[in-house]
C-alpha atoms as a PDB file:
ATOM      1  CA  MET A   1      25.008  18.426 -42.506  1.00  0.00           C
ATOM      2  CA  PHE A   2      27.543  19.747 -44.991  1.00  0.00           C
ATOM      3  CA  ALA A   3      28.453  19.101 -48.597  1.00  0.00           C
ATOM      4  CA  VAL A   4      31.351  19.791 -50.939  1.00  0.00           C
ATOM      5  CA  PHE A   5      30.270  20.593 -54.476  1.00  0.00           C
ATOM      6  CA  LYS A   6      32.038  21.733 -57.629  1.00  0.00           C
ATOM      7  CA  THR A   7      31.113  24.615 -59.939  1.00  0.00           C
ATOM      8  CA  GLY A   8      33.163  26.860 -62.173  1.00  0.00           C
ATOM      9  CA  GLY A   9      36.271  24.723 -61.680  1.00  0.00           C
ATOM     10  CA  LYS A  10      36.275  25.384 -57.908  1.00  0.00           C
ATOM     11  CA  GLN A  11      35.094  23.370 -54.932  1.00  0.00           C
ATOM     12  CA  TYR A  12      32.986  24.821 -52.107  1.00  0.00           C
ATOM     13  CA  ARG A  13      32.206  23.399 -48.668  1.00  0.00           C
ATOM     14  CA  VAL A  14      28.708  24.505 -47.653  1.00  0.00           C
ATOM     15  CA  ALA A  15      25.954  23.902 -45.120  1.00  0.00           C
ATOM     16  CA  ALA A  16      22.306  24.939 -45.158  1.00  0.00           C
ATOM     17  CA  GLU A  17      21.743  28.736 -44.973  1.00  0.00           C
ATOM     18  CA  ASP A  18      25.335  29.535 -46.062  1.00  0.00           C
ATOM     19  CA  VAL A  19      25.787  32.519 -48.388  1.00  0.00           C
ATOM     20  CA  LEU A  20      28.606  32.314 -50.913  1.00  0.00           C
ATOM     21  CA  LYS A  21      29.853  33.989 -54.075  1.00  0.00           C
ATOM     22  CA  VAL A  22      30.535  31.729 -57.057  1.00  0.00           C
ATOM     23  CA  ASP A  23      31.379  32.311 -60.723  1.00  0.00           C
ATOM     24  CA  LYS A  24      28.348  33.284 -62.795  1.00  0.00           C
ATOM     25  CA  VAL A  25      25.562  30.704 -62.900  1.00  0.00           C
ATOM     26  CA  LYS A  26      22.425  30.992 -65.054  1.00  0.00           C
ATOM     27  CA  GLY A  27      19.416  31.939 -62.954  1.00  0.00           C
ATOM     28  CA  GLU A  28      17.107  34.843 -62.154  1.00  0.00           C
ATOM     29  CA  LEU A  29      16.873  36.556 -58.770  1.00  0.00           C
ATOM     30  CA  GLY A  30      14.986  34.364 -56.291  1.00  0.00           C
ATOM     31  CA  GLU A  31      15.219  31.278 -58.507  1.00  0.00           C
ATOM     32  CA  ILE A  32      16.378  27.915 -57.141  1.00  0.00           C
ATOM     33  CA  VAL A  33      19.433  26.433 -58.918  1.00  0.00           C
ATOM     34  CA  GLU A  34      20.801  22.903 -58.465  1.00  0.00           C
ATOM     35  CA  PHE A  35      24.391  21.690 -58.423  1.00  0.00           C
ATOM     36  CA  GLY A  36      24.752  18.010 -59.283  1.00  0.00           C
ATOM     37  CA  GLU A  37      28.524  17.591 -58.940  1.00  0.00           C
ATOM     38  CA  VAL A  38      28.548  16.760 -55.216  1.00  0.00           C
ATOM     39  CA  LEU A  39      31.884  15.313 -54.097  1.00  0.00           C
ATOM     40  CA  VAL A  40      31.322  14.819 -50.342  1.00  0.00           C
ATOM     41  CA  VAL A  41      28.263  14.748 -48.082  1.00  0.00           C
ATOM     42  CA  GLY A  42      28.872  14.817 -44.356  1.00  0.00           C
ATOM     43  CA  GLY A  43      26.909  14.844 -41.154  1.00  0.00           C
ATOM     44  CA  ASP A  44      26.594  11.858 -38.839  1.00  0.00           C
ATOM     45  CA  SER A  45      28.499   9.818 -41.412  1.00  0.00           C
ATOM     46  CA  VAL A  46      30.657  11.058 -44.263  1.00  0.00           C
ATOM     47  CA  THR A  47      29.988   9.859 -47.816  1.00  0.00           C
ATOM     48  CA  LEU A  48      32.738  10.267 -50.400  1.00  0.00           C
ATOM     49  CA  GLY A  49      32.053  10.204 -54.111  1.00  0.00           C
ATOM     50  CA  ALA A  50      34.101   8.482 -56.765  1.00  0.00           C
ATOM     51  CA  PRO A  51      34.283  11.171 -58.205  1.00  0.00           C
ATOM     52  CA  ASN A  52      30.649  12.261 -57.587  1.00  0.00           C
ATOM     53  CA  ILE A  53      27.912  10.984 -55.286  1.00  0.00           C
ATOM     54  CA  ALA A  54      25.058   9.506 -57.324  1.00  0.00           C
ATOM     55  CA  GLY A  55      21.720  11.174 -56.608  1.00  0.00           C
ATOM     56  CA  ALA A  56      23.117  13.967 -54.414  1.00  0.00           C
ATOM     57  CA  THR A  57      22.421  17.617 -55.225  1.00  0.00           C
ATOM     58  CA  VAL A  58      22.863  20.987 -53.565  1.00  0.00           C
ATOM     59  CA  ALA A  59      20.016  23.485 -54.016  1.00  0.00           C
ATOM     60  CA  ALA A  60      20.612  27.229 -53.703  1.00  0.00           C
ATOM     61  CA  GLN A  61      18.615  30.430 -54.128  1.00  0.00           C
ATOM     62  CA  VAL A  62      20.040  33.184 -56.344  1.00  0.00           C
ATOM     63  CA  LEU A  63      20.395  36.368 -54.286  1.00  0.00           C
ATOM     64  CA  GLU A  64      22.307  38.565 -56.744  1.00  0.00           C
ATOM     65  CA  GLN A  65      23.906  38.550 -60.177  1.00  0.00           C
ATOM     66  CA  GLY A  66      26.741  41.070 -60.330  1.00  0.00           C
ATOM     67  CA  ARG A  67      30.225  42.006 -61.367  1.00  0.00           C
ATOM     68  CA  GLY A  68      33.224  42.139 -59.078  1.00  0.00           C
ATOM     69  CA  ALA A  69      35.761  44.891 -58.591  1.00  0.00           C
ATOM     70  CA  LYS A  70      37.856  45.965 -61.571  1.00  0.00           C
ATOM     71  CA  ILE A  71      41.191  44.248 -61.995  1.00  0.00           C
ATOM     72  CA  ILE A  72      43.817  46.137 -64.008  1.00  0.00           C
ATOM     73  CA  ALA A  73      46.321  44.164 -66.119  1.00  0.00           C
ATOM     74  CA  PHE A  74      49.153  46.593 -66.911  1.00  0.00           C
ATOM     75  CA  LYS A  75      52.152  45.435 -68.900  1.00  0.00           C
ATOM     76  CA  LYS A  76      55.186  47.565 -69.677  1.00  0.00           C
ATOM     77  CA  ARG A  77      58.317  46.744 -71.582  1.00  0.00           C
ATOM     78  CA  ARG A  78      60.941  49.179 -70.411  1.00  0.00           C
ATOM     79  CA  ARG A  79      62.996  51.134 -72.902  1.00  0.00           C
ATOM     80  CA  LYS A  80      60.715  49.918 -75.717  1.00  0.00           C
ATOM     81  CA  ASN A  81      57.958  52.551 -75.475  1.00  0.00           C
ATOM     82  CA  SER A  82      55.465  49.692 -75.136  1.00  0.00           C
ATOM     83  CA  ARG A  83      52.626  49.731 -72.637  1.00  0.00           C
ATOM     84  CA  ARG A  84      49.328  47.845 -72.454  1.00  0.00           C
ATOM     85  CA  LYS A  85      46.503  48.443 -69.969  1.00  0.00           C
ATOM     86  CA  ILE A  86      43.462  46.159 -69.877  1.00  0.00           C
ATOM     87  CA  GLY A  87      40.699  46.132 -67.269  1.00  0.00           C
ATOM     88  CA  HIS A  88      38.507  43.155 -66.330  1.00  0.00           C
ATOM     89  CA  ARG A  89      35.486  42.657 -64.077  1.00  0.00           C
ATOM     90  CA  GLN A  90      34.606  39.065 -63.209  1.00  0.00           C
ATOM     91  CA  GLU A  91      30.896  38.243 -63.140  1.00  0.00           C
ATOM     92  CA  PHE A  92      29.590  36.418 -60.064  1.00  0.00           C
ATOM     93  CA  THR A  93      26.420  34.990 -58.553  1.00  0.00           C
ATOM     94  CA  LEU A  94      25.606  35.367 -54.867  1.00  0.00           C
ATOM     95  CA  LEU A  95      23.855  32.231 -53.554  1.00  0.00           C
ATOM     96  CA  ARG A  96      22.150  31.125 -50.350  1.00  0.00           C
ATOM     97  CA  ILE A  97      22.236  27.352 -49.867  1.00  0.00           C
ATOM     98  CA  THR A  98      18.689  26.141 -49.173  1.00  0.00           C
ATOM     99  CA  GLU A  99      18.989  22.349 -49.116  1.00  0.00           C
ATOM    100  CA  ILE A 100      21.476  19.500 -49.368  1.00  0.00           C
ATOM    101  CA  LEU A 101      19.651  16.567 -50.944  1.00  0.00           C
ATOM    102  CA  THR A 102      20.603  12.898 -51.246  1.00  0.00           C
ATOM    103  CA  ASP A 103      18.994   9.762 -52.731  1.00  0.00           C
ATOM    104  CA  GLY A 104      17.770  11.550 -55.869  1.00  0.00           C
ATOM    105  CA  ASN A 105      15.337  13.871 -54.063  1.00  0.00           C
ATOM    106  CA  LYS A 106      14.261  17.043 -55.873  1.00  0.00           C
ATOM    107  CA  PRO A 107      14.514  20.489 -54.237  1.00  0.00           C
ATOM    108  CA  SER A 108      11.404  22.410 -53.316  1.00  0.00           C
ATOM    109  CA  LYS A 109      10.810  25.117 -55.922  1.00  0.00           C
ATOM    110  CA  THR A 110       9.619  27.642 -53.333  1.00  0.00           C
ATOM    111  CA  VAL A 111      11.989  29.166 -50.855  1.00  0.00           C
ATOM    112  CA  GLN A 112      11.231  28.429 -47.232  1.00  0.00           C
ATOM    113  CA  PRO A 113      11.131  31.514 -45.013  1.00  0.00           C
ATOM    114  CA  ARG A 114      14.291  31.876 -43.000  1.00  0.00           C
ATOM    115  CA  PRO A 115      13.947  31.468 -39.245  1.00  0.00           C
ATOM    116  CA  LYS A 116      14.331  34.769 -37.437  1.00  0.00           C
ATOM    117  CA  ARG A 117      17.139  34.889 -34.933  1.00  0.00           C
ATOM    118  CA  THR A 118      16.458  36.396 -31.549  1.00  0.00           C
ATOM    119  CA  PRO A 119      19.451  37.824 -29.718  1.00  0.00           C
ATOM    120  CA  ALA A 120      20.306  36.055 -26.487  1.00  0.00           C
ATOM    121  CA  PRO A 121      19.613  38.203 -23.406  1.00  0.00           C
ATOM    122  CA  ALA A 122      22.862  39.419 -21.900  1.00  0.00           C
ATOM    123  CA  ALA A 123      23.501  39.737 -18.154  1.00  0.00           C
ATOM    124  CA  ASP A 124      23.982  43.509 -18.460  1.00  0.00           C
ATOM    125  CA  THR A 125      20.542  44.052 -19.963  1.00  0.00           C
ATOM    126  CA  ALA A 126      18.931  41.913 -17.264  1.00  0.00           C
ATOM    127  CA  ALA A 127      20.613  43.958 -14.512  1.00  0.00           C
ATOM    128  CA  ALA A 128      19.626  47.217 -16.163  1.00  0.00           C
ATOM    129  CA  ALA A 129      16.031  46.033 -16.509  1.00  0.00           C
ATOM    130  CA  SER A 130      15.791  45.250 -12.772  1.00  0.00           C
ATOM    131  CA  GLU A 131      16.675  48.848 -11.857  1.00  0.00           C
ATOM    132  CA  SER A 132      14.049  51.539 -11.952  1.00  0.00           C
ATOM    133  CA  PRO A 133      14.015  53.652 -15.131  1.00  0.00           C
ATOM    134  CA  ALA A 134      14.942  56.781 -13.165  1.00  0.00           C
ATOM    135  CA  GLN A 135      18.106  55.149 -11.780  1.00  0.00           C
ATOM    136  CA  ALA A 136      19.104  53.848 -15.205  1.00  0.00           C
ATOM    137  CA  SER A 137      18.747  57.290 -16.814  1.00  0.00           C
ATOM    138  CA  GLU A 138      20.774  58.915 -13.972  1.00  0.00           C
ATOM    139  CA  ASP A 139      23.541  56.323 -14.407  1.00  0.00           C
ATOM    140  CA  THR A 140      23.763  56.847 -18.139  1.00  0.00           C
ATOM    141  CA  ALA A 141      23.714  60.633 -17.741  1.00  0.00           C
ATOM    142  CA  ALA A 142      26.519  60.463 -15.157  1.00  0.00           C
ATOM    143  CA  THR A 143      28.692  58.246 -17.346  1.00  0.00           C
ATOM    144  CA  SER A 144      28.174  60.428 -20.395  1.00  0.00           C
ATOM    145  CA  ARG A 145      29.370  63.542 -18.492  1.00  0.00           C
ATOM    146  CA  LYS A 146      32.719  62.036 -17.510  1.00  0.00           C
ATOM    147  CA  ALA A 147      35.671  63.590 -19.289  1.00  0.00           C
ATOM    148  CA  PRO A 148      37.979  61.207 -21.126  1.00  0.00           C
ATOM    149  CA  ALA A 149      41.186  60.338 -19.330  1.00  0.00           C
ATOM    150  CA  LYS A 150      44.131  62.500 -20.393  1.00  0.00           C
ATOM    151  CA  LYS A 151      47.652  61.288 -20.952  1.00  0.00           C
ATOM    152  CA  PRO A 152      50.238  62.622 -18.500  1.00  0.00           C
ATOM    153  CA  ALA A 153      52.297  65.481 -19.908  1.00  0.00           C
ATOM    154  CA  LYS A 154      55.864  64.675 -20.898  1.00  0.00           C
ATOM    155  CA  PRO A 155      58.541  66.638 -19.054  1.00  0.00           C
ATOM    156  CA  LYS A 156      60.249  69.089 -21.345  1.00  0.00           C
ATOM    157  CA  SER A 157      64.013  68.862 -21.398  1.00  0.00           C
ATOM    158  CA  LYS A 158      66.093  71.240 -23.428  1.00  0.00           C
ATOM    159  CA  ALA A 159      69.114  69.787 -25.106  1.00  0.00           C
ATOM    160  CA  PRO A 160      71.979  72.138 -25.983  1.00  0.00           C
ATOM    161  CA  ALA A 161      71.727  73.428 -29.522  1.00  0.00           C
ATOM    162  CA  LYS A 162      74.296  72.061 -31.957  1.00  0.00           C
ATOM    163  CA  ALA A 163      76.454  74.554 -33.762  1.00  0.00           C
ATOM    164  CA  LYS A 164      76.003  74.457 -37.521  1.00  0.00           C
ATOM    165  CA  LYS A 165      79.023  74.398 -39.772  1.00  0.00           C
ATOM    166  CA  PRO A 166      79.165  77.165 -42.326  1.00  0.00           C
ATOM    167  CA  ALA A 167      78.273  76.099 -45.828  1.00  0.00           C
ATOM    168  CA  THR A 168      81.269  76.203 -48.160  1.00  0.00           C
ATOM    169  CA  LYS A 169      81.325  76.186 -51.895  1.00  0.00           C
ATOM    170  CA  GLY A 170      83.755  74.070 -53.798  1.00  0.00           C
ATOM    171  CA  LYS A 171      85.825  71.057 -52.870  1.00  0.00           C
ATOM    172  CA  LYS A 172      86.896  70.184 -49.380  1.00  0.00           C
ATOM    173  CA  LYS A 173      90.582  70.554 -48.643  1.00  0.00           C
END
């Protein structure tokens, strides 16, 4: 399920567990904030708002309140001895989307623990596990001793040296 919501004059397409950076929103670290301006809710069927969907909200957990990189606004008017340099750092809020709610439901105030992801077993690790530990350590030791491949040397060819013209002062005749 996905949703498109609006905050800070921008629209964001999100799904559950997405992390995104938006313009500053009031909220403490770990707090759940709600966004009521939901424009589209999708999934099995797509619901479009006119302009908003009644009763739909997007709930998100505040991960960080911070300031972005410094942006320098430098203006110069040439030949006028006029220069102006102003710096600006835009404040932002880092959010993790917890729920996409419809039909006027309220978000849960506590954050559900995130499911832990287990890496999928690769074929290489399964083959290495079937070998005895002694063979595996010998194989890794042998591969680590190999010297890196060298590039073939370029043949040196000497071109005849060009004769330099003597430097002359003054105009050419």
